Amino acid sequence: MIKGINRQVVEVRDTGSECFERILFFVKPEYAGLSEGKIRERAGLAARGATQPPATRVKKSRLTEVLKVGLSMLTGVALGIVISLAVR
């Protein structure tokens, strides 16, 4: 959702990318006074840099997760033993 009324938006339809159909740029208020040509030029430069979609998050391996849980359990057991011996 876009909030606010006074927003200047530049739409780039020719992205030069097979991944992106179009890109919307929201101009910062302090740059709204620049000429339309200058803003479109900068938006085009930024769009040409967007040739690939953002990298997806790498899924952690199942083995790493199991080892973390196992180590946590062992640490808890060891700590419980140390505390029970100290209380006696």
PDB file of N, CA and C in Angstrom:
ATOM      1  N   MET A   1       0.837  -1.173   0.000  1.00  0.00           N
ATOM      2  CA  MET A   1       0.000   0.000   0.000  1.00  0.00           C
ATOM      3  C   MET A   1       0.887   1.242   0.000  1.00  0.00           C
ATOM      4  N   ILE A   2       0.536   2.199  -0.799  1.00  0.00           N
ATOM      5  CA  ILE A   2       1.275   3.456  -0.871  1.00  0.00           C
ATOM      6  C   ILE A   2       0.516   4.494  -0.071  1.00  0.00           C
ATOM      7  N   LYS A   3       1.183   5.074   0.905  1.00  0.00           N
ATOM      8  CA  LYS A   3       0.544   6.104   1.720  1.00  0.00           C
ATOM      9  C   LYS A   3       1.081   7.458   1.300  1.00  0.00           C
ATOM     10  N   GLY A   4       0.275   8.450   1.446  1.00  0.00           N
ATOM     11  CA  GLY A   4       0.686   9.793   1.081  1.00  0.00           C
ATOM     12  C   GLY A   4       0.074  10.206  -0.236  1.00  0.00           C
ATOM     13  N   ILE A   5      -0.087  11.467  -0.387  1.00  0.00           N
ATOM     14  CA  ILE A   5      -0.726  11.991  -1.586  1.00  0.00           C
ATOM     15  C   ILE A   5       0.302  12.565  -2.546  1.00  0.00           C
ATOM     16  N   ASN A   6       1.283  13.247  -2.021  1.00  0.00           N
ATOM     17  CA  ASN A   6       2.248  13.956  -2.861  1.00  0.00           C
ATOM     18  C   ASN A   6       3.474  13.094  -3.143  1.00  0.00           C
ATOM     19  N   ARG A   7       3.318  12.129  -4.013  1.00  0.00           N
ATOM     20  CA  ARG A   7       4.422  11.266  -4.404  1.00  0.00           C
ATOM     21  C   ARG A   7       4.651  11.390  -5.902  1.00  0.00           C
ATOM     22  N   GLN A   8       5.901  11.499  -6.273  1.00  0.00           N
ATOM     23  CA  GLN A   8       6.239  11.499  -7.693  1.00  0.00           C
ATOM     24  C   GLN A   8       6.755  10.111  -8.021  1.00  0.00           C
ATOM     25  N   VAL A   9       6.148   9.452  -8.995  1.00  0.00           N
ATOM     26  CA  VAL A   9       6.486   8.079  -9.353  1.00  0.00           C
ATOM     27  C   VAL A   9       6.943   8.048 -10.808  1.00  0.00           C
ATOM     28  N   VAL A  10       8.016   7.303 -11.056  1.00  0.00           N
ATOM     29  CA  VAL A  10       8.510   7.105 -12.421  1.00  0.00           C
ATOM     30  C   VAL A  10       8.375   5.617 -12.733  1.00  0.00           C
ATOM     31  N   GLU A  11       7.712   5.314 -13.851  1.00  0.00           N
ATOM     32  CA  GLU A  11       7.539   3.928 -14.261  1.00  0.00           C
ATOM     33  C   GLU A  11       8.454   3.662 -15.456  1.00  0.00           C
ATOM     34  N   VAL A  12       9.263   2.622 -15.342  1.00  0.00           N
ATOM     35  CA  VAL A  12      10.136   2.208 -16.443  1.00  0.00           C
ATOM     36  C   VAL A  12       9.564   0.917 -16.994  1.00  0.00           C
ATOM     37  N   ARG A  13       9.131   0.956 -18.255  1.00  0.00           N
ATOM     38  CA  ARG A  13       8.534  -0.235 -18.872  1.00  0.00           C
ATOM     39  C   ARG A  13       9.561  -1.049 -19.649  1.00  0.00           C
ATOM     40  N   ASP A  14      10.531  -0.386 -20.234  1.00  0.00           N
ATOM     41  CA  ASP A  14      11.569  -1.095 -20.981  1.00  0.00           C
ATOM     42  C   ASP A  14      12.735  -1.340 -20.035  1.00  0.00           C
ATOM     43  N   THR A  15      12.677  -2.459 -19.304  1.00  0.00           N
ATOM     44  CA  THR A  15      13.694  -2.728 -18.284  1.00  0.00           C
ATOM     45  C   THR A  15      14.940  -3.383 -18.852  1.00  0.00           C
ATOM     46  N   GLY A  16      14.833  -3.984 -20.024  1.00  0.00           N
ATOM     47  CA  GLY A  16      15.978  -4.683 -20.594  1.00  0.00           C
ATOM     48  C   GLY A  16      16.244  -5.994 -19.872  1.00  0.00           C
ATOM     49  N   SER A  17      15.297  -6.464 -19.117  1.00  0.00           N
ATOM     50  CA  SER A  17      15.461  -7.687 -18.345  1.00  0.00           C
ATOM     51  C   SER A  17      14.359  -8.663 -18.708  1.00  0.00           C
ATOM     52  N   GLU A  18      14.712  -9.930 -18.765  1.00  0.00           N
ATOM     53  CA  GLU A  18      13.704 -10.939 -19.040  1.00  0.00           C
ATOM     54  C   GLU A  18      12.880 -11.249 -17.785  1.00  0.00           C
ATOM     55  N   CYS A  19      13.389 -10.833 -16.639  1.00  0.00           N
ATOM     56  CA  CYS A  19      12.703 -11.127 -15.369  1.00  0.00           C
ATOM     57  C   CYS A  19      11.674 -10.075 -14.993  1.00  0.00           C
ATOM     58  N   PHE A  20      11.927  -8.820 -15.372  1.00  0.00           N
ATOM     59  CA  PHE A  20      11.079  -7.729 -14.924  1.00  0.00           C
ATOM     60  C   PHE A  20      10.349  -7.087 -16.092  1.00  0.00           C
ATOM     61  N   GLU A  21       9.064  -6.946 -15.939  1.00  0.00           N
ATOM     62  CA  GLU A  21       8.217  -6.345 -16.962  1.00  0.00           C
ATOM     63  C   GLU A  21       8.246  -4.821 -16.866  1.00  0.00           C
ATOM     64  N   ARG A  22       8.181  -4.316 -15.632  1.00  0.00           N
ATOM     65  CA  ARG A  22       8.255  -2.877 -15.407  1.00  0.00           C
ATOM     66  C   ARG A  22       8.709  -2.628 -13.970  1.00  0.00           C
ATOM     67  N   ILE A  23       9.246  -1.446 -13.749  1.00  0.00           N
ATOM     68  CA  ILE A  23       9.760  -1.072 -12.432  1.00  0.00           C
ATOM     69  C   ILE A  23       9.204   0.296 -12.064  1.00  0.00           C
ATOM     70  N   LEU A  24       8.750   0.426 -10.820  1.00  0.00           N
ATOM     71  CA  LEU A  24       8.258   1.711 -10.321  1.00  0.00           C
ATOM     72  C   LEU A  24       9.297   2.304  -9.374  1.00  0.00           C
ATOM     73  N   PHE A  25       9.607   3.578  -9.578  1.00  0.00           N
ATOM     74  CA  PHE A  25      10.527   4.300  -8.710  1.00  0.00           C
ATOM     75  C   PHE A  25       9.768   5.432  -8.030  1.00  0.00           C
ATOM     76  N   PHE A  26       9.935   5.546  -6.727  1.00  0.00           N
ATOM     77  CA  PHE A  26       9.323   6.627  -5.970  1.00  0.00           C
ATOM     78  C   PHE A  26      10.405   7.663  -5.701  1.00  0.00           C
ATOM     79  N   VAL A  27      10.208   8.855  -6.212  1.00  0.00           N
ATOM     80  CA  VAL A  27      11.208   9.918  -6.129  1.00  0.00           C
ATOM     81  C   VAL A  27      11.169  10.542  -4.736  1.00  0.00           C
ATOM     82  N   LYS A  28      12.356  10.697  -4.156  1.00  0.00           N
ATOM     83  CA  LYS A  28      12.449  11.354  -2.854  1.00  0.00           C
ATOM     84  C   LYS A  28      12.009  12.803  -3.001  1.00  0.00           C
ATOM     85  N   PRO A  29      11.337  13.325  -1.981  1.00  0.00           N
ATOM     86  CA  PRO A  29      10.820  14.699  -2.078  1.00  0.00           C
ATOM     87  C   PRO A  29      11.911  15.737  -2.376  1.00  0.00           C
ATOM     88  N   GLU A  30      13.107  15.537  -1.870  1.00  0.00           N
ATOM     89  CA  GLU A  30      14.165  16.529  -2.111  1.00  0.00           C
ATOM     90  C   GLU A  30      14.666  16.539  -3.555  1.00  0.00           C
ATOM     91  N   TYR A  31      14.341  15.498  -4.343  1.00  0.00           N
ATOM     92  CA  TYR A  31      14.757  15.450  -5.744  1.00  0.00           C
ATOM     93  C   TYR A  31      13.594  15.701  -6.698  1.00  0.00           C
ATOM     94  N   ALA A  32      12.430  15.988  -6.172  1.00  0.00           N
ATOM     95  CA  ALA A  32      11.252  16.210  -7.012  1.00  0.00           C
ATOM     96  C   ALA A  32      11.402  17.444  -7.898  1.00  0.00           C
ATOM     97  N   GLY A  33      12.310  18.345  -7.558  1.00  0.00           N
ATOM     98  CA  GLY A  33      12.514  19.556  -8.345  1.00  0.00           C
ATOM     99  C   GLY A  33      13.372  19.353  -9.576  1.00  0.00           C
ATOM    100  N   LEU A  34      14.020  18.193  -9.703  1.00  0.00           N
ATOM    101  CA  LEU A  34      14.833  17.921 -10.896  1.00  0.00           C
ATOM    102  C   LEU A  34      13.938  17.822 -12.127  1.00  0.00           C
ATOM    103  N   SER A  35      14.520  18.029 -13.271  1.00  0.00           N
ATOM    104  CA  SER A  35      13.733  17.939 -14.502  1.00  0.00           C
ATOM    105  C   SER A  35      13.280  16.497 -14.727  1.00  0.00           C
ATOM    106  N   GLU A  36      12.179  16.358 -15.421  1.00  0.00           N
ATOM    107  CA  GLU A  36      11.629  15.036 -15.687  1.00  0.00           C
ATOM    108  C   GLU A  36      12.628  14.177 -16.464  1.00  0.00           C
ATOM    109  N   GLY A  37      13.309  14.796 -17.401  1.00  0.00           N
ATOM    110  CA  GLY A  37      14.294  14.057 -18.199  1.00  0.00           C
ATOM    111  C   GLY A  37      15.416  13.498 -17.343  1.00  0.00           C
ATOM    112  N   LYS A  38      15.901  14.297 -16.403  1.00  0.00           N
ATOM    113  CA  LYS A  38      16.995  13.874 -15.530  1.00  0.00           C
ATOM    114  C   LYS A  38      16.542  12.721 -14.620  1.00  0.00           C
ATOM    115  N   ILE A  39      15.319  12.838 -14.090  1.00  0.00           N
ATOM    116  CA  ILE A  39      14.796  11.786 -13.222  1.00  0.00           C
ATOM    117  C   ILE A  39      14.601  10.494 -14.010  1.00  0.00           C
ATOM    118  N   ARG A  40      14.056  10.619 -15.226  1.00  0.00           N
ATOM    119  CA  ARG A  40      13.864   9.418 -16.062  1.00  0.00           C
ATOM    120  C   ARG A  40      15.199   8.787 -16.449  1.00  0.00           C
ATOM    121  N   GLU A  41      16.193   9.620 -16.686  1.00  0.00           N
ATOM    122  CA  GLU A  41      17.526   9.110 -17.028  1.00  0.00           C
ATOM    123  C   GLU A  41      18.098   8.295 -15.869  1.00  0.00           C
ATOM    124  N   ARG A  42      17.989   8.837 -14.664  1.00  0.00           N
ATOM    125  CA  ARG A  42      18.503   8.120 -13.484  1.00  0.00           C
ATOM    126  C   ARG A  42      17.705   6.841 -13.224  1.00  0.00           C
ATOM    127  N   ALA A  43      16.389   6.883 -13.434  1.00  0.00           N
ATOM    128  CA  ALA A  43      15.561   5.692 -13.258  1.00  0.00           C
ATOM    129  C   ALA A  43      15.949   4.626 -14.278  1.00  0.00           C
ATOM    130  N   GLY A  44      16.235   5.037 -15.502  1.00  0.00           N
ATOM    131  CA  GLY A  44      16.654   4.088 -16.531  1.00  0.00           C
ATOM    132  C   GLY A  44      17.971   3.425 -16.193  1.00  0.00           C
ATOM    133  N   LEU A  45      18.911   4.204 -15.651  1.00  0.00           N
ATOM    134  CA  LEU A  45      20.197   3.634 -15.238  1.00  0.00           C
ATOM    135  C   LEU A  45      20.003   2.604 -14.127  1.00  0.00           C
ATOM    136  N   ALA A  46      19.158   2.936 -13.180  1.00  0.00           N
ATOM    137  CA  ALA A  46      18.908   2.002 -12.083  1.00  0.00           C
ATOM    138  C   ALA A  46      18.197   0.748 -12.594  1.00  0.00           C
ATOM    139  N   ALA A  47      17.276   0.905 -13.530  1.00  0.00           N
ATOM    140  CA  ALA A  47      16.534  -0.235 -14.070  1.00  0.00           C
ATOM    141  C   ALA A  47      17.457  -1.164 -14.854  1.00  0.00           C
ATOM    142  N   ARG A  48      18.413  -0.617 -15.565  1.00  0.00           N
ATOM    143  CA  ARG A  48      19.336  -1.462 -16.324  1.00  0.00           C
ATOM    144  C   ARG A  48      20.208  -2.301 -15.395  1.00  0.00           C
ATOM    145  N   GLY A  49      20.387  -1.843 -14.172  1.00  0.00           N
ATOM    146  CA  GLY A  49      21.153  -2.615 -13.198  1.00  0.00           C
ATOM    147  C   GLY A  49      20.345  -3.751 -12.583  1.00  0.00           C
ATOM    148  N   ALA A  50      19.049  -3.745 -12.805  1.00  0.00           N
ATOM    149  CA  ALA A  50      18.171  -4.774 -12.228  1.00  0.00           C
ATOM    150  C   ALA A  50      17.918  -5.864 -13.253  1.00  0.00           C
ATOM    151  N   THR A  51      18.944  -6.589 -13.627  1.00  0.00           N
ATOM    152  CA  THR A  51      18.811  -7.601 -14.675  1.00  0.00           C
ATOM    153  C   THR A  51      18.394  -8.953 -14.141  1.00  0.00           C
ATOM    154  N   GLN A  52      18.593  -9.207 -12.838  1.00  0.00           N
ATOM    155  CA  GLN A  52      18.231 -10.494 -12.269  1.00  0.00           C
ATOM    156  C   GLN A  52      17.371 -10.274 -11.030  1.00  0.00           C
ATOM    157  N   PRO A  53      16.510 -11.230 -10.733  1.00  0.00           N
ATOM    158  CA  PRO A  53      15.707 -11.097  -9.509  1.00  0.00           C
ATOM    159  C   PRO A  53      16.612 -11.215  -8.290  1.00  0.00           C
ATOM    160  N   PRO A  54      16.170 -10.702  -7.159  1.00  0.00           N
ATOM    161  CA  PRO A  54      16.986 -10.810  -5.958  1.00  0.00           C
ATOM    162  C   PRO A  54      17.253 -12.267  -5.597  1.00  0.00           C
ATOM    163  N   ALA A  55      18.403 -12.513  -5.026  1.00  0.00           N
ATOM    164  CA  ALA A  55      18.763 -13.876  -4.646  1.00  0.00           C
ATOM    165  C   ALA A  55      17.806 -14.382  -3.576  1.00  0.00           C
ATOM    166  N   THR A  56      17.414 -15.630  -3.718  1.00  0.00           N
ATOM    167  CA  THR A  56      16.536 -16.213  -2.709  1.00  0.00           C
ATOM    168  C   THR A  56      17.371 -16.650  -1.517  1.00  0.00           C
ATOM    169  N   ARG A  57      16.719 -16.713  -0.408  1.00  0.00           N
ATOM    170  CA  ARG A  57      17.406 -17.108   0.803  1.00  0.00           C
ATOM    171  C   ARG A  57      17.811 -18.567   0.711  1.00  0.00           C
ATOM    172  N   VAL A  58      19.036 -18.867   1.066  1.00  0.00           N
ATOM    173  CA  VAL A  58      19.534 -20.236   0.996  1.00  0.00           C
ATOM    174  C   VAL A  58      18.964 -21.026   2.168  1.00  0.00           C
ATOM    175  N   LYS A  59      18.367 -22.143   1.864  1.00  0.00           N
ATOM    176  CA  LYS A  59      17.773 -22.968   2.898  1.00  0.00           C
ATOM    177  C   LYS A  59      18.885 -23.708   3.648  1.00  0.00           C
ATOM    178  N   LYS A  60      18.827 -23.658   4.970  1.00  0.00           N
ATOM    179  CA  LYS A  60      19.822 -24.345   5.777  1.00  0.00           C
ATOM    180  C   LYS A  60      19.618 -25.847   5.626  1.00  0.00           C
ATOM    181  N   SER A  61      20.721 -26.560   5.706  1.00  0.00           N
ATOM    182  CA  SER A  61      20.612 -28.003   5.554  1.00  0.00           C
ATOM    183  C   SER A  61      19.951 -28.615   6.777  1.00  0.00           C
ATOM    184  N   ARG A  62      19.284 -29.708   6.568  1.00  0.00           N
ATOM    185  CA  ARG A  62      18.581 -30.413   7.642  1.00  0.00           C
ATOM    186  C   ARG A  62      19.582 -30.903   8.688  1.00  0.00           C
ATOM    187  N   LEU A  63      20.738 -31.357   8.238  1.00  0.00           N
ATOM    188  CA  LEU A  63      21.763 -31.862   9.151  1.00  0.00           C
ATOM    189  C   LEU A  63      22.223 -30.781  10.113  1.00  0.00           C
ATOM    190  N   THR A  64      22.412 -29.566   9.627  1.00  0.00           N
ATOM    191  CA  THR A  64      22.846 -28.453  10.476  1.00  0.00           C
ATOM    192  C   THR A  64      21.813 -28.180  11.554  1.00  0.00           C
ATOM    193  N   GLU A  65      20.542 -28.186  11.198  1.00  0.00           N
ATOM    194  CA  GLU A  65      19.485 -27.936  12.172  1.00  0.00           C
ATOM    195  C   GLU A  65      19.429 -29.041  13.220  1.00  0.00           C
ATOM    196  N   VAL A  66      19.548 -30.295  12.801  1.00  0.00           N
ATOM    197  CA  VAL A  66      19.507 -31.423  13.737  1.00  0.00           C
ATOM    198  C   VAL A  66      20.697 -31.345  14.695  1.00  0.00           C
ATOM    199  N   LEU A  67      21.871 -31.010  14.172  1.00  0.00           N
ATOM    200  CA  LEU A  67      23.053 -30.898  15.031  1.00  0.00           C
ATOM    201  C   LEU A  67      22.900 -29.784  16.060  1.00  0.00           C
ATOM    202  N   LYS A  68      22.319 -28.662  15.659  1.00  0.00           N
ATOM    203  CA  LYS A  68      22.109 -27.552  16.594  1.00  0.00           C
ATOM    204  C   LYS A  68      21.167 -27.960  17.723  1.00  0.00           C
ATOM    205  N   VAL A  69      20.071 -28.629  17.371  1.00  0.00           N
ATOM    206  CA  VAL A  69      19.105 -29.058  18.378  1.00  0.00           C
ATOM    207  C   VAL A  69      19.744 -30.097  19.306  1.00  0.00           C
ATOM    208  N   GLY A  70      20.472 -31.039  18.736  1.00  0.00           N
ATOM    209  CA  GLY A  70      21.131 -32.073  19.538  1.00  0.00           C
ATOM    210  C   GLY A  70      22.157 -31.486  20.498  1.00  0.00           C
ATOM    211  N   LEU A  71      22.935 -30.548  20.015  1.00  0.00           N
ATOM    212  CA  LEU A  71      23.940 -29.903  20.865  1.00  0.00           C
ATOM    213  C   LEU A  71      23.271 -29.107  21.980  1.00  0.00           C
ATOM    214  N   SER A  72      22.178 -28.464  21.679  1.00  0.00           N
ATOM    215  CA  SER A  72      21.434 -27.722  22.702  1.00  0.00           C
ATOM    216  C   SER A  72      20.899 -28.665  23.779  1.00  0.00           C
ATOM    217  N   MET A  73      20.395 -29.813  23.344  1.00  0.00           N
ATOM    218  CA  MET A  73      19.886 -30.788  24.313  1.00  0.00           C
ATOM    219  C   MET A  73      21.002 -31.313  25.200  1.00  0.00           C
ATOM    220  N   LEU A  74      22.132 -31.636  24.608  1.00  0.00           N
ATOM    221  CA  LEU A  74      23.271 -32.130  25.399  1.00  0.00           C
ATOM    222  C   LEU A  74      23.758 -31.077  26.381  1.00  0.00           C
ATOM    223  N   THR A  75      23.789 -29.840  25.952  1.00  0.00           N
ATOM    224  CA  THR A  75      24.206 -28.750  26.835  1.00  0.00           C
ATOM    225  C   THR A  75      23.244 -28.621  28.011  1.00  0.00           C
ATOM    226  N   GLY A  76      21.951 -28.732  27.752  1.00  0.00           N
ATOM    227  CA  GLY A  76      20.941 -28.657  28.807  1.00  0.00           C
ATOM    228  C   GLY A  76      21.086 -29.792  29.809  1.00  0.00           C
ATOM    229  N   VAL A  77      21.309 -31.010  29.317  1.00  0.00           N
ATOM    230  CA  VAL A  77      21.486 -32.165  30.199  1.00  0.00           C
ATOM    231  C   VAL A  77      22.732 -31.988  31.052  1.00  0.00           C
ATOM    232  N   ALA A  78      23.840 -31.583  30.427  1.00  0.00           N
ATOM    233  CA  ALA A  78      25.086 -31.388  31.167  1.00  0.00           C
ATOM    234  C   ALA A  78      24.920 -30.312  32.233  1.00  0.00           C
ATOM    235  N   LEU A  79      24.254 -29.242  31.907  1.00  0.00           N
ATOM    236  CA  LEU A  79      24.025 -28.165  32.866  1.00  0.00           C
ATOM    237  C   LEU A  79      23.143 -28.647  34.017  1.00  0.00           C
ATOM    238  N   GLY A  80      22.152 -29.462  33.707  1.00  0.00           N
ATOM    239  CA  GLY A  80      21.298 -30.030  34.749  1.00  0.00           C
ATOM    240  C   GLY A  80      22.074 -30.925  35.696  1.00  0.00           C
ATOM    241  N   ILE A  81      22.964 -31.723  35.161  1.00  0.00           N
ATOM    242  CA  ILE A  81      23.794 -32.612  35.995  1.00  0.00           C
ATOM    243  C   ILE A  81      24.705 -31.772  36.896  1.00  0.00           C
ATOM    244  N   VAL A  82      25.348 -30.754  36.344  1.00  0.00           N
ATOM    245  CA  VAL A  82      26.248 -29.893  37.121  1.00  0.00           C
ATOM    246  C   VAL A  82      25.470 -29.215  38.243  1.00  0.00           C
ATOM    247  N   ILE A  83      24.306 -28.716  37.963  1.00  0.00           N
ATOM    248  CA  ILE A  83      23.502 -28.029  38.990  1.00  0.00           C
ATOM    249  C   ILE A  83      23.063 -29.007  40.073  1.00  0.00           C
ATOM    250  N   SER A  84      22.623 -30.229  39.667  1.00  0.00           N
ATOM    251  CA  SER A  84      22.169 -31.197  40.669  1.00  0.00           C
ATOM    252  C   SER A  84      23.324 -31.649  41.560  1.00  0.00           C
ATOM    253  N   LEU A  85      24.539 -31.757  41.014  1.00  0.00           N
ATOM    254  CA  LEU A  85      25.703 -32.136  41.815  1.00  0.00           C
ATOM    255  C   LEU A  85      26.107 -30.994  42.750  1.00  0.00           C
ATOM    256  N   ALA A  86      25.940 -29.786  42.322  1.00  0.00           N
ATOM    257  CA  ALA A  86      26.318 -28.635  43.138  1.00  0.00           C
ATOM    258  C   ALA A  86      25.351 -28.435  44.296  1.00  0.00           C
ATOM    259  N   VAL A  87      24.088 -28.819  44.126  1.00  0.00           N
ATOM    260  CA  VAL A  87      23.080 -28.637  45.168  1.00  0.00           C
ATOM    261  C   VAL A  87      23.270 -29.663  46.291  1.00  0.00           C
ATOM    262  N   ARG A  88      23.754 -30.833  46.013  1.00  0.00           N
ATOM    263  CA  ARG A  88      23.923 -31.879  47.015  1.00  0.00           C
ATOM    264  C   ARG A  88      24.877 -31.503  48.029  1.00  0.00           C
TER     265      ARG A  88
END
